Amino acid sequence: MRSWQVHELGDPIDRLVLDEVEAPEAGPGRVVLDLEAVGLAFPNVLQCRGEYQVKPPLPFSPAAEVVGRVSAVGDGVEGLEVGQRVVSLGGALADQ
């Protein structure tokens, strides 16, 4: 799957790279989303520069908010089903 990744801190225009990465799996207590929309905000720019208070390990995929449909549900997940549209938070500038 495709995912925009930051491998080195700096200006996002120069540092974001479109990579092919392994598709996620819905492990226990987790779901996989097929993403439809992603929100980027100024804190994501700060993350790419290494200037935000939360510093994810490299490489990471920046994004603030995501909207998508559940494509897989792991064991123990309740209240979500395949095809359901959901909103989530976290680094998801990717296909899934």
C-alpha atoms as a PDB file:
ATOM      1  CA  MET A   1       0.000   0.000   0.000  1.00  0.00           C
ATOM      2  CA  ARG A   2       1.074   3.608  -0.450  1.00  0.00           C
ATOM      3  CA  SER A   3       1.977   5.770   2.527  1.00  0.00           C
ATOM      4  CA  TRP A   4       3.499   9.234   2.769  1.00  0.00           C
ATOM      5  CA  GLN A   5       6.428   8.847   5.174  1.00  0.00           C
ATOM      6  CA  VAL A   6       8.889  11.149   6.903  1.00  0.00           C
ATOM      7  CA  HIS A   7      12.327   9.460   7.113  1.00  0.00           C
ATOM      8  CA  GLU A   8      14.303  12.586   8.137  1.00  0.00           C
ATOM      9  CA  LEU A   9      13.129  15.619  10.069  1.00  0.00           C
ATOM     10  CA  GLY A  10      12.915  18.910   8.200  1.00  0.00           C
ATOM     11  CA  ASP A  11      10.625  20.874   5.896  1.00  0.00           C
ATOM     12  CA  PRO A  12       7.692  18.586   4.959  1.00  0.00           C
ATOM     13  CA  ILE A  13       7.855  19.686   1.319  1.00  0.00           C
ATOM     14  CA  ASP A  14      11.384  18.277   1.138  1.00  0.00           C
ATOM     15  CA  ARG A  15      10.994  15.332   3.535  1.00  0.00           C
ATOM     16  CA  LEU A  16       7.692  13.617   2.658  1.00  0.00           C
ATOM     17  CA  VAL A  17       8.264  10.532   0.501  1.00  0.00           C
ATOM     18  CA  LEU A  18       5.585   8.304  -1.049  1.00  0.00           C
ATOM     19  CA  ASP A  19       6.588   4.763  -0.035  1.00  0.00           C
ATOM     20  CA  GLU A  20       5.218   1.295  -0.624  1.00  0.00           C
ATOM     21  CA  VAL A  21       4.735  -0.266   2.814  1.00  0.00           C
ATOM     22  CA  GLU A  22       3.204  -3.453   4.146  1.00  0.00           C
ATOM     23  CA  ALA A  23      -0.576  -3.221   4.486  1.00  0.00           C
ATOM     24  CA  PRO A  24      -1.815  -3.288   8.085  1.00  0.00           C
ATOM     25  CA  GLU A  25      -3.645  -6.275   9.537  1.00  0.00           C
ATOM     26  CA  ALA A  26      -6.538  -6.199  11.973  1.00  0.00           C
ATOM     27  CA  GLY A  27      -4.929  -7.780  15.020  1.00  0.00           C
ATOM     28  CA  PRO A  28      -6.766  -8.337  18.302  1.00  0.00           C
ATOM     29  CA  GLY A  29      -8.616  -5.210  19.389  1.00  0.00           C
ATOM     30  CA  ARG A  30      -7.817  -3.369  16.136  1.00  0.00           C
ATOM     31  CA  VAL A  31      -9.489  -2.465  12.858  1.00  0.00           C
ATOM     32  CA  VAL A  32      -8.160  -1.540   9.413  1.00  0.00           C
ATOM     33  CA  LEU A  33      -9.626   1.441   7.581  1.00  0.00           C
ATOM     34  CA  ASP A  34      -9.709   2.184   3.867  1.00  0.00           C
ATOM     35  CA  LEU A  35      -9.113   5.928   4.051  1.00  0.00           C
ATOM     36  CA  GLU A  36     -11.312   8.423   2.230  1.00  0.00           C
ATOM     37  CA  ALA A  37     -10.085  11.756   3.621  1.00  0.00           C
ATOM     38  CA  VAL A  38      -7.193  12.960   5.752  1.00  0.00           C
ATOM     39  CA  GLY A  39      -6.805  16.254   7.585  1.00  0.00           C
ATOM     40  CA  LEU A  40      -3.434  17.951   7.888  1.00  0.00           C
ATOM     41  CA  ALA A  41      -2.809  20.839  10.252  1.00  0.00           C
ATOM     42  CA  PHE A  42       0.070  23.004  11.443  1.00  0.00           C
ATOM     43  CA  PRO A  43       1.014  20.540  14.239  1.00  0.00           C
ATOM     44  CA  ASN A  44       1.780  18.014  11.483  1.00  0.00           C
ATOM     45  CA  VAL A  45       4.263  20.470   9.965  1.00  0.00           C
ATOM     46  CA  LEU A  46       5.855  20.849  13.398  1.00  0.00           C
ATOM     47  CA  GLN A  47       6.060  17.033  13.729  1.00  0.00           C
ATOM     48  CA  CYS A  48       7.845  16.802  10.379  1.00  0.00           C
ATOM     49  CA  ARG A  49      10.329  19.431  11.558  1.00  0.00           C
ATOM     50  CA  GLY A  50      10.834  17.709  14.931  1.00  0.00           C
ATOM     51  CA  GLU A  51       9.450  20.782  16.719  1.00  0.00           C
ATOM     52  CA  TYR A  52       6.231  19.305  18.150  1.00  0.00           C
ATOM     53  CA  GLN A  53       6.032  18.042  21.743  1.00  0.00           C
ATOM     54  CA  VAL A  54       5.135  14.528  20.528  1.00  0.00           C
ATOM     55  CA  LYS A  55       8.007  13.058  18.512  1.00  0.00           C
ATOM     56  CA  PRO A  56       7.046   9.811  16.754  1.00  0.00           C
ATOM     57  CA  PRO A  57       9.857   7.441  15.828  1.00  0.00           C
ATOM     58  CA  LEU A  58      11.125   7.670  12.245  1.00  0.00           C
ATOM     59  CA  PRO A  59       9.800   6.848   9.756  1.00  0.00           C
ATOM     60  CA  PHE A  60       6.257   8.050  10.468  1.00  0.00           C
ATOM     61  CA  SER A  61       3.185   9.053   8.515  1.00  0.00           C
ATOM     62  CA  PRO A  62       1.840  12.455   9.570  1.00  0.00           C
ATOM     63  CA  ALA A  63      -1.861  13.296   9.653  1.00  0.00           C
ATOM     64  CA  ALA A  64      -4.271  14.607  12.225  1.00  0.00           C
ATOM     65  CA  GLU A  65      -7.758  13.375  11.392  1.00  0.00           C
ATOM     66  CA  VAL A  66      -8.916  10.584   9.094  1.00  0.00           C
ATOM     67  CA  VAL A  67     -12.239   9.417   7.687  1.00  0.00           C
ATOM     68  CA  GLY A  68     -12.640   5.981   6.177  1.00  0.00           C
ATOM     69  CA  ARG A  69     -14.532   2.727   6.051  1.00  0.00           C
ATOM     70  CA  VAL A  70     -13.722  -0.298   8.157  1.00  0.00           C
ATOM     71  CA  SER A  71     -12.232  -2.974   5.867  1.00  0.00           C
ATOM     72  CA  ALA A  72     -11.207  -5.534   8.520  1.00  0.00           C
ATOM     73  CA  VAL A  73     -12.088  -6.144  12.172  1.00  0.00           C
ATOM     74  CA  GLY A  74      -9.817  -7.937  14.642  1.00  0.00           C
ATOM     75  CA  ASP A  75     -10.859 -10.298  17.410  1.00  0.00           C
ATOM     76  CA  GLY A  76     -12.434  -8.640  20.416  1.00  0.00           C
ATOM     77  CA  VAL A  77     -13.615  -5.512  18.582  1.00  0.00           C
ATOM     78  CA  GLU A  78     -17.207  -4.623  19.417  1.00  0.00           C
ATOM     79  CA  GLY A  79     -19.439  -1.971  17.881  1.00  0.00           C
ATOM     80  CA  LEU A  80     -17.625  -1.732  14.542  1.00  0.00           C
ATOM     81  CA  GLU A  81     -18.244  -3.725  11.382  1.00  0.00           C
ATOM     82  CA  VAL A  82     -16.847  -3.964   7.863  1.00  0.00           C
ATOM     83  CA  GLY A  83     -18.194  -1.167   5.674  1.00  0.00           C
ATOM     84  CA  GLN A  84     -18.960   1.172   8.568  1.00  0.00           C
ATOM     85  CA  ARG A  85     -17.774   4.759   8.071  1.00  0.00           C
ATOM     86  CA  VAL A  86     -15.681   6.081  10.958  1.00  0.00           C
ATOM     87  CA  VAL A  87     -13.522   9.009  12.067  1.00  0.00           C
ATOM     88  CA  SER A  88     -10.166   8.428  13.742  1.00  0.00           C
ATOM     89  CA  LEU A  89      -7.078  10.323  14.885  1.00  0.00           C
ATOM     90  CA  GLY A  90      -3.432   9.658  14.163  1.00  0.00           C
ATOM     91  CA  GLY A  91      -0.763   9.280  11.511  1.00  0.00           C
ATOM     92  CA  ALA A  92      -2.585   7.982   8.510  1.00  0.00           C
ATOM     93  CA  LEU A  93      -1.423   9.748   5.393  1.00  0.00           C
ATOM     94  CA  ALA A  94      -1.810   6.452   3.524  1.00  0.00           C
ATOM     95  CA  ASP A  95      -4.230   4.154   1.703  1.00  0.00           C
ATOM     96  CA  GLN A  96      -5.083   2.266   4.904  1.00  0.00           C
END
